[in-house]
N, C-alpha and C. Protein backbone atom coordinates (compact mmCIF):
# COMPACT_ATOMS: atom_id res chain seq x y z
N UNK A 1 89.11 27.55 171.48
CA UNK A 1 90.35 28.32 171.53
C UNK A 1 90.38 29.28 170.34
N UNK A 2 90.76 30.48 170.61
CA UNK A 2 90.86 31.47 169.54
C UNK A 2 92.32 31.61 169.10
N UNK A 3 92.51 31.78 167.81
CA UNK A 3 93.86 31.92 167.27
C UNK A 3 94.03 33.26 166.58
N UNK A 4 93.21 34.24 166.94
CA UNK A 4 93.25 35.51 166.23
C UNK A 4 94.57 36.27 166.40
N UNK A 5 95.42 35.85 167.33
CA UNK A 5 96.71 36.52 167.50
C UNK A 5 97.79 35.91 166.61
N UNK A 6 97.51 34.75 166.02
CA UNK A 6 98.45 34.16 165.06
C UNK A 6 98.29 34.93 163.76
N UNK A 7 99.41 35.40 163.20
CA UNK A 7 99.31 36.25 162.03
C UNK A 7 99.78 35.59 160.74
N UNK A 8 100.61 34.55 160.82
CA UNK A 8 101.08 33.90 159.59
C UNK A 8 101.95 32.71 159.93
N UNK A 9 102.20 31.89 158.94
CA UNK A 9 103.18 30.82 159.03
C UNK A 9 104.54 31.45 158.79
N UNK A 10 105.52 31.16 159.63
CA UNK A 10 106.81 31.83 159.52
C UNK A 10 107.94 30.88 159.12
N UNK A 11 108.09 29.77 159.86
CA UNK A 11 109.20 28.84 159.61
C UNK A 11 108.67 27.42 159.60
N UNK A 12 109.13 26.64 158.63
CA UNK A 12 108.81 25.23 158.52
C UNK A 12 110.13 24.46 158.58
N UNK A 13 110.17 23.36 159.30
CA UNK A 13 111.40 22.58 159.41
C UNK A 13 111.55 21.63 158.23
N UNK A 14 112.75 21.61 157.68
CA UNK A 14 113.12 20.68 156.63
C UNK A 14 114.31 19.89 157.15
N UNK A 15 114.13 18.59 157.36
CA UNK A 15 115.23 17.77 157.88
C UNK A 15 116.13 17.32 156.74
N UNK A 16 117.42 17.39 156.99
CA UNK A 16 118.45 16.98 156.03
C UNK A 16 119.54 16.24 156.78
N UNK A 17 120.44 15.59 156.04
CA UNK A 17 121.55 14.89 156.68
C UNK A 17 122.83 15.71 156.71
N UNK A 18 122.91 16.75 155.88
CA UNK A 18 124.11 17.59 155.81
C UNK A 18 123.65 19.00 155.44
N UNK A 19 123.83 19.94 156.36
CA UNK A 19 123.32 21.29 156.14
C UNK A 19 124.06 22.02 155.01
N UNK A 20 125.36 21.83 154.90
CA UNK A 20 126.10 22.50 153.82
C UNK A 20 125.67 21.97 152.46
N UNK A 21 125.47 20.66 152.35
CA UNK A 21 125.00 20.07 151.10
C UNK A 21 123.59 20.56 150.78
N UNK A 22 122.78 20.73 151.81
CA UNK A 22 121.41 21.23 151.61
C UNK A 22 121.44 22.66 151.07
N UNK A 23 122.31 23.50 151.63
CA UNK A 23 122.42 24.87 151.14
C UNK A 23 122.83 24.85 149.67
N UNK A 24 123.83 24.04 149.34
CA UNK A 24 124.29 23.97 147.95
C UNK A 24 123.15 23.55 147.02
N UNK A 25 122.36 22.57 147.42
CA UNK A 25 121.27 22.10 146.58
C UNK A 25 120.17 23.16 146.45
N UNK A 26 119.66 23.62 147.58
CA UNK A 26 118.52 24.53 147.53
C UNK A 26 118.90 25.91 146.99
N UNK A 27 120.11 26.37 147.26
CA UNK A 27 120.56 27.67 146.75
C UNK A 27 120.95 27.57 145.27
N UNK A 28 121.85 26.63 144.98
CA UNK A 28 122.45 26.59 143.64
C UNK A 28 121.56 25.94 142.59
N UNK A 29 120.67 25.07 142.99
CA UNK A 29 119.82 24.39 142.00
C UNK A 29 118.37 24.86 141.99
N UNK A 30 117.88 25.32 143.16
CA UNK A 30 116.48 25.75 143.22
C UNK A 30 116.31 27.25 143.44
N UNK A 31 117.40 27.96 143.67
CA UNK A 31 117.33 29.41 143.75
C UNK A 31 117.00 30.01 145.10
N UNK A 32 117.09 29.23 146.18
CA UNK A 32 116.83 29.75 147.51
C UNK A 32 118.01 30.61 147.98
N UNK A 33 117.78 31.41 149.03
CA UNK A 33 118.81 32.21 149.66
C UNK A 33 118.96 31.82 151.11
N UNK A 34 120.17 31.94 151.64
CA UNK A 34 120.39 31.74 153.08
C UNK A 34 119.93 33.00 153.79
N UNK A 35 119.08 32.84 154.78
CA UNK A 35 118.59 33.98 155.57
C UNK A 35 119.36 34.10 156.89
N UNK A 36 119.49 32.99 157.60
CA UNK A 36 120.19 32.97 158.89
C UNK A 36 121.13 31.77 158.91
N UNK A 37 122.31 31.96 159.44
CA UNK A 37 123.25 30.86 159.65
C UNK A 37 123.99 31.17 160.94
N UNK A 38 123.46 30.65 162.03
CA UNK A 38 123.93 31.01 163.36
C UNK A 38 124.30 29.75 164.14
N UNK A 39 125.49 29.74 164.72
CA UNK A 39 125.92 28.65 165.58
C UNK A 39 125.42 28.94 166.99
N UNK A 40 124.42 28.17 167.42
CA UNK A 40 123.85 28.35 168.76
C UNK A 40 124.54 27.48 169.80
N UNK A 41 125.57 26.77 169.40
CA UNK A 41 126.27 25.87 170.32
C UNK A 41 125.64 24.49 170.33
N UNK A 42 124.38 24.41 170.69
CA UNK A 42 123.69 23.14 170.74
C UNK A 42 123.10 22.75 169.38
N UNK A 43 123.06 23.71 168.44
CA UNK A 43 122.58 23.45 167.09
C UNK A 43 122.96 24.61 166.17
N UNK A 44 122.92 24.34 164.89
CA UNK A 44 123.13 25.38 163.88
C UNK A 44 121.75 25.84 163.40
N UNK A 45 121.44 27.11 163.62
CA UNK A 45 120.17 27.69 163.17
C UNK A 45 120.38 28.19 161.75
N UNK A 46 119.91 27.41 160.79
CA UNK A 46 120.13 27.69 159.38
C UNK A 46 118.78 27.80 158.71
N UNK A 47 118.45 28.99 158.22
CA UNK A 47 117.19 29.15 157.51
C UNK A 47 117.46 29.61 156.09
N UNK A 48 116.61 29.14 155.19
CA UNK A 48 116.66 29.53 153.79
C UNK A 48 115.26 29.93 153.37
N UNK A 49 115.19 30.70 152.29
CA UNK A 49 113.89 31.10 151.73
C UNK A 49 114.07 31.38 150.26
N UNK A 50 112.97 31.27 149.54
CA UNK A 50 113.02 31.64 148.13
C UNK A 50 112.91 33.16 148.04
N UNK A 51 113.67 33.79 147.14
CA UNK A 51 113.63 35.26 147.05
C UNK A 51 112.23 35.83 146.81
N UNK A 52 111.34 35.04 146.23
CA UNK A 52 109.98 35.52 145.98
C UNK A 52 109.11 35.48 147.24
N UNK A 53 109.60 34.84 148.31
CA UNK A 53 108.81 34.68 149.53
C UNK A 53 109.74 34.61 150.74
N UNK A 54 110.44 35.71 151.01
CA UNK A 54 111.40 35.73 152.11
C UNK A 54 110.75 35.67 153.48
N UNK A 55 109.46 35.87 153.54
CA UNK A 55 108.74 35.81 154.81
C UNK A 55 108.57 34.37 155.31
N UNK A 56 108.49 33.39 154.39
CA UNK A 56 108.31 31.99 154.78
C UNK A 56 109.65 31.28 154.64
N UNK A 57 110.22 30.91 155.76
CA UNK A 57 111.55 30.31 155.76
C UNK A 57 111.50 28.83 156.07
N UNK A 58 112.53 28.15 155.58
CA UNK A 58 112.74 26.74 155.92
C UNK A 58 113.89 26.67 156.90
N UNK A 59 113.66 26.04 158.05
CA UNK A 59 114.73 25.76 159.00
C UNK A 59 115.37 24.46 158.55
N UNK A 60 116.58 24.53 158.03
CA UNK A 60 117.30 23.37 157.52
C UNK A 60 117.99 22.73 158.73
N UNK A 61 117.44 21.60 159.17
CA UNK A 61 117.83 21.04 160.46
C UNK A 61 118.27 19.59 160.34
N UNK A 62 119.22 19.22 161.18
CA UNK A 62 119.63 17.83 161.28
C UNK A 62 118.69 17.10 162.24
N UNK A 63 118.33 15.86 161.95
CA UNK A 63 117.53 15.10 162.91
C UNK A 63 118.29 14.98 164.23
N UNK A 64 117.60 15.20 165.30
CA UNK A 64 118.24 15.10 166.62
C UNK A 64 118.26 16.43 167.30
N UNK A 65 119.43 16.80 167.81
CA UNK A 65 119.58 18.08 168.50
C UNK A 65 118.66 18.19 169.69
N UNK A 66 118.14 19.38 169.94
CA UNK A 66 117.30 19.56 171.12
C UNK A 66 115.91 18.92 170.98
N UNK A 67 115.54 18.47 169.78
CA UNK A 67 114.19 17.94 169.57
C UNK A 67 114.07 16.44 169.77
N UNK A 68 115.18 15.71 169.69
CA UNK A 68 115.07 14.25 169.74
C UNK A 68 116.34 13.64 170.33
N UNK A 69 116.16 12.53 171.05
CA UNK A 69 117.31 11.81 171.58
C UNK A 69 118.00 11.03 170.45
N UNK A 70 119.12 10.39 170.76
CA UNK A 70 119.93 9.72 169.74
C UNK A 70 119.15 8.61 169.03
N UNK A 71 118.38 7.84 169.74
CA UNK A 71 117.62 6.74 169.13
C UNK A 71 116.54 7.29 168.17
N UNK A 72 115.84 8.31 168.62
CA UNK A 72 114.82 8.92 167.77
C UNK A 72 115.46 9.57 166.54
N UNK A 73 116.60 10.22 166.73
CA UNK A 73 117.30 10.85 165.61
C UNK A 73 117.71 9.80 164.57
N UNK A 74 118.15 8.64 165.01
CA UNK A 74 118.52 7.56 164.08
C UNK A 74 117.30 7.10 163.29
N UNK A 75 116.17 6.97 163.97
CA UNK A 75 114.93 6.59 163.29
C UNK A 75 114.54 7.66 162.27
N UNK A 76 114.67 8.91 162.65
CA UNK A 76 114.33 10.01 161.75
C UNK A 76 115.23 10.00 160.51
N UNK A 77 116.53 9.75 160.70
CA UNK A 77 117.44 9.69 159.54
C UNK A 77 117.02 8.59 158.58
N UNK A 78 116.63 7.43 159.11
CA UNK A 78 116.16 6.34 158.26
C UNK A 78 114.90 6.71 157.49
N UNK A 79 113.96 7.34 158.17
CA UNK A 79 112.72 7.77 157.51
C UNK A 79 112.99 8.85 156.47
N UNK A 80 113.92 9.74 156.77
CA UNK A 80 114.28 10.81 155.84
C UNK A 80 114.80 10.23 154.53
N UNK A 81 115.74 9.31 154.61
CA UNK A 81 116.32 8.74 153.39
C UNK A 81 115.31 7.93 152.59
N UNK A 82 114.24 7.50 153.23
CA UNK A 82 113.16 6.79 152.53
C UNK A 82 112.11 7.75 151.97
N UNK A 83 112.29 9.03 152.22
CA UNK A 83 111.32 10.02 151.75
C UNK A 83 110.05 10.04 152.54
N UNK A 84 110.11 9.63 153.80
CA UNK A 84 108.89 9.48 154.61
C UNK A 84 108.69 10.58 155.64
N UNK A 85 109.45 11.66 155.56
CA UNK A 85 109.29 12.74 156.54
C UNK A 85 108.62 13.97 155.94
N UNK A 86 107.86 13.79 154.90
CA UNK A 86 107.17 14.92 154.30
C UNK A 86 107.89 15.42 153.07
N UNK A 87 107.71 16.66 152.77
CA UNK A 87 108.33 17.25 151.60
C UNK A 87 107.88 18.67 151.41
N UNK A 88 108.16 19.19 150.23
CA UNK A 88 107.84 20.57 149.92
C UNK A 88 106.97 20.64 148.68
N UNK A 89 106.14 21.66 148.63
CA UNK A 89 105.36 21.97 147.44
C UNK A 89 105.75 23.38 147.01
N UNK A 90 106.36 23.46 145.85
CA UNK A 90 106.80 24.75 145.30
C UNK A 90 105.96 25.09 144.08
N UNK A 91 105.97 26.35 143.70
CA UNK A 91 105.18 26.79 142.57
C UNK A 91 106.09 27.39 141.50
N UNK A 92 105.72 27.21 140.25
CA UNK A 92 106.47 27.74 139.11
C UNK A 92 105.50 28.44 138.17
N UNK A 93 105.99 29.45 137.46
CA UNK A 93 105.15 30.08 136.45
C UNK A 93 105.35 29.44 135.09
N UNK A 94 106.33 28.51 134.98
CA UNK A 94 106.56 27.74 133.75
C UNK A 94 107.21 26.43 134.13
N UNK A 95 106.40 25.45 134.47
CA UNK A 95 106.92 24.18 134.99
C UNK A 95 107.74 23.43 133.95
N UNK A 96 107.45 23.58 132.68
CA UNK A 96 108.23 22.90 131.64
C UNK A 96 109.65 23.48 131.57
N UNK A 97 109.78 24.79 131.64
CA UNK A 97 111.10 25.42 131.66
C UNK A 97 111.84 25.06 132.95
N UNK A 98 111.12 25.00 134.06
CA UNK A 98 111.73 24.60 135.33
C UNK A 98 112.26 23.18 135.23
N UNK A 99 111.47 22.30 134.66
CA UNK A 99 111.88 20.91 134.46
C UNK A 99 113.16 20.85 133.64
N UNK A 100 113.20 21.54 132.51
CA UNK A 100 114.39 21.53 131.65
C UNK A 100 115.62 22.04 132.40
N UNK A 101 115.45 23.10 133.18
CA UNK A 101 116.57 23.67 133.94
C UNK A 101 117.07 22.70 135.00
N UNK A 102 116.15 22.01 135.67
CA UNK A 102 116.55 21.06 136.71
C UNK A 102 117.25 19.84 136.12
N UNK A 103 116.77 19.37 134.99
CA UNK A 103 117.43 18.26 134.30
C UNK A 103 118.85 18.67 133.92
N UNK A 104 119.00 19.89 133.44
CA UNK A 104 120.31 20.39 132.98
C UNK A 104 121.34 20.45 134.10
N UNK A 105 120.89 20.65 135.35
CA UNK A 105 121.83 20.71 136.47
C UNK A 105 121.88 19.42 137.27
N UNK A 106 121.25 18.36 136.75
CA UNK A 106 121.38 17.04 137.35
C UNK A 106 120.51 16.74 138.55
N UNK A 107 119.40 17.46 138.73
CA UNK A 107 118.48 17.18 139.83
C UNK A 107 117.76 15.86 139.56
N UNK A 108 117.59 15.04 140.61
CA UNK A 108 116.88 13.77 140.46
C UNK A 108 115.39 14.03 140.23
N UNK A 109 114.92 13.62 139.06
CA UNK A 109 113.52 13.79 138.69
C UNK A 109 112.77 12.51 139.06
N UNK A 110 111.69 12.64 139.80
CA UNK A 110 110.88 11.47 140.15
C UNK A 110 109.61 11.39 139.30
N UNK A 111 109.23 12.52 138.70
CA UNK A 111 108.10 12.52 137.79
C UNK A 111 108.26 13.67 136.80
N UNK A 112 108.22 13.33 135.52
CA UNK A 112 108.28 14.34 134.47
C UNK A 112 106.99 15.15 134.48
N UNK A 113 106.95 16.28 133.76
CA UNK A 113 105.74 17.10 133.78
C UNK A 113 104.49 16.29 133.42
N UNK A 114 103.47 16.45 134.23
CA UNK A 114 102.23 15.74 134.01
C UNK A 114 101.07 16.71 134.24
N UNK A 115 100.10 16.64 133.35
CA UNK A 115 98.91 17.48 133.48
C UNK A 115 97.99 16.86 134.53
N UNK A 116 97.56 17.68 135.46
CA UNK A 116 96.64 17.26 136.52
C UNK A 116 95.44 18.20 136.49
N UNK A 117 94.33 17.83 137.11
CA UNK A 117 93.19 18.74 137.16
C UNK A 117 93.52 20.09 137.82
N UNK A 118 94.51 20.14 138.68
CA UNK A 118 94.88 21.37 139.38
C UNK A 118 96.01 22.14 138.68
N UNK A 119 96.58 21.58 137.62
CA UNK A 119 97.67 22.24 136.91
C UNK A 119 98.67 21.21 136.40
N UNK A 120 99.86 21.67 136.09
CA UNK A 120 100.92 20.79 135.63
C UNK A 120 101.99 20.74 136.70
N UNK A 121 102.47 19.54 137.03
CA UNK A 121 103.53 19.49 138.03
C UNK A 121 104.57 18.42 137.72
N UNK A 122 105.67 18.53 138.45
CA UNK A 122 106.78 17.58 138.34
C UNK A 122 107.17 17.16 139.75
N UNK A 123 107.90 16.08 139.84
CA UNK A 123 108.41 15.62 141.13
C UNK A 123 109.92 15.51 141.08
N UNK A 124 110.57 15.95 142.15
CA UNK A 124 112.01 15.79 142.30
C UNK A 124 112.30 15.32 143.72
N UNK A 125 113.54 14.90 143.95
CA UNK A 125 113.99 14.56 145.31
C UNK A 125 115.25 15.35 145.60
N UNK A 126 115.38 15.79 146.84
CA UNK A 126 116.62 16.44 147.22
C UNK A 126 117.65 15.36 147.55
N UNK A 127 118.89 15.71 147.82
CA UNK A 127 119.93 14.70 148.04
C UNK A 127 119.70 13.81 149.26
N UNK A 128 118.73 14.14 150.09
CA UNK A 128 118.51 13.40 151.34
C UNK A 128 117.29 12.49 151.30
N UNK A 129 116.46 12.64 150.27
CA UNK A 129 115.26 11.83 150.15
C UNK A 129 113.97 12.60 150.24
N UNK A 130 114.03 13.88 150.59
CA UNK A 130 112.81 14.68 150.67
C UNK A 130 112.17 14.81 149.29
N UNK A 131 110.87 14.60 149.24
CA UNK A 131 110.11 14.77 148.00
C UNK A 131 109.79 16.25 147.82
N UNK A 132 109.94 16.72 146.60
CA UNK A 132 109.61 18.10 146.27
C UNK A 132 108.73 18.06 145.03
N UNK A 133 107.56 18.69 145.12
CA UNK A 133 106.65 18.83 143.98
C UNK A 133 106.72 20.28 143.54
N UNK A 134 106.79 20.48 142.24
CA UNK A 134 106.80 21.83 141.68
C UNK A 134 105.65 21.90 140.69
N UNK A 135 104.74 22.83 140.94
CA UNK A 135 103.55 22.89 140.08
C UNK A 135 103.34 24.27 139.48
N UNK A 136 102.68 24.24 138.35
CA UNK A 136 102.18 25.44 137.69
C UNK A 136 100.66 25.31 137.76
N UNK A 137 100.06 25.92 138.77
CA UNK A 137 98.63 25.70 138.99
C UNK A 137 97.75 26.39 137.96
N UNK A 138 96.56 25.83 137.78
CA UNK A 138 95.56 26.47 136.94
C UNK A 138 94.77 27.45 137.79
N UNK A 139 94.11 28.38 137.15
CA UNK A 139 93.24 29.30 137.86
C UNK A 139 91.86 28.64 137.91
N UNK A 140 91.52 28.13 139.07
CA UNK A 140 90.24 27.44 139.24
C UNK A 140 89.90 27.41 140.72
N UNK A 141 88.63 27.29 140.99
CA UNK A 141 88.19 27.14 142.38
C UNK A 141 88.40 25.68 142.81
N UNK A 142 88.33 25.45 144.09
CA UNK A 142 88.44 24.09 144.60
C UNK A 142 87.33 23.20 144.03
N UNK A 143 86.15 23.76 143.87
CA UNK A 143 85.03 22.99 143.33
C UNK A 143 85.30 22.59 141.87
N UNK A 144 85.84 23.52 141.08
CA UNK A 144 86.16 23.21 139.68
C UNK A 144 87.24 22.13 139.59
N UNK A 145 88.24 22.23 140.45
CA UNK A 145 89.30 21.22 140.45
C UNK A 145 88.71 19.87 140.84
N UNK A 146 87.85 19.85 141.83
CA UNK A 146 87.21 18.61 142.25
C UNK A 146 86.41 18.00 141.09
N UNK A 147 85.68 18.82 140.35
CA UNK A 147 84.92 18.33 139.21
C UNK A 147 85.84 17.75 138.14
N UNK A 148 86.94 18.43 137.88
CA UNK A 148 87.92 17.91 136.90
C UNK A 148 88.50 16.58 137.37
N UNK A 149 88.84 16.52 138.66
CA UNK A 149 89.43 15.29 139.20
C UNK A 149 88.44 14.13 139.11
N UNK A 150 87.18 14.40 139.38
CA UNK A 150 86.16 13.35 139.32
C UNK A 150 86.03 12.77 137.92
N UNK A 151 86.43 13.55 136.91
CA UNK A 151 86.34 13.09 135.53
C UNK A 151 87.57 12.34 135.03
N UNK A 152 88.60 12.20 135.87
CA UNK A 152 89.82 11.50 135.44
C UNK A 152 89.73 10.02 135.83
N UNK A 153 90.45 9.17 135.12
CA UNK A 153 90.38 7.73 135.42
C UNK A 153 90.75 7.39 136.86
N UNK A 154 91.77 8.06 137.43
CA UNK A 154 92.15 7.73 138.80
C UNK A 154 91.20 8.35 139.82
N UNK A 155 90.40 9.34 139.40
CA UNK A 155 89.47 9.97 140.32
C UNK A 155 88.08 9.41 140.24
N UNK A 156 87.88 8.43 139.35
CA UNK A 156 86.53 7.88 139.18
C UNK A 156 86.19 6.90 140.27
């Protein structure tokens, strides 16, 4: 199968339990913007994006709706609150300053800044359980990162 007509990743779904609370968190604490907020009747089409990358949007969605029946939606809500439905990987040009700013506004920190072979990163959780990693990557090839990782105690 050829995929040469696919041109880019456009929208990724982020499941939350409350769309208004999600907007407040991602907009007011992480700097995202609301792109679309449309009542489609059967669902609210709510997309957000970071101002540095308005082309890649997050569809802020409630579990259920047209994608899942009530039983599946209940299972999804349980997995969401356990942090088991995936997460986001964001990038920072100064992860230490980002960490300080997030602490100052009361964001739940799951991991303080830590040096990794691929850069420095931190871990946070959104109000619903989604894991978010924020990293300041190093300039290195995949091979160089692999070599660095092989030299660490957990990579041995």
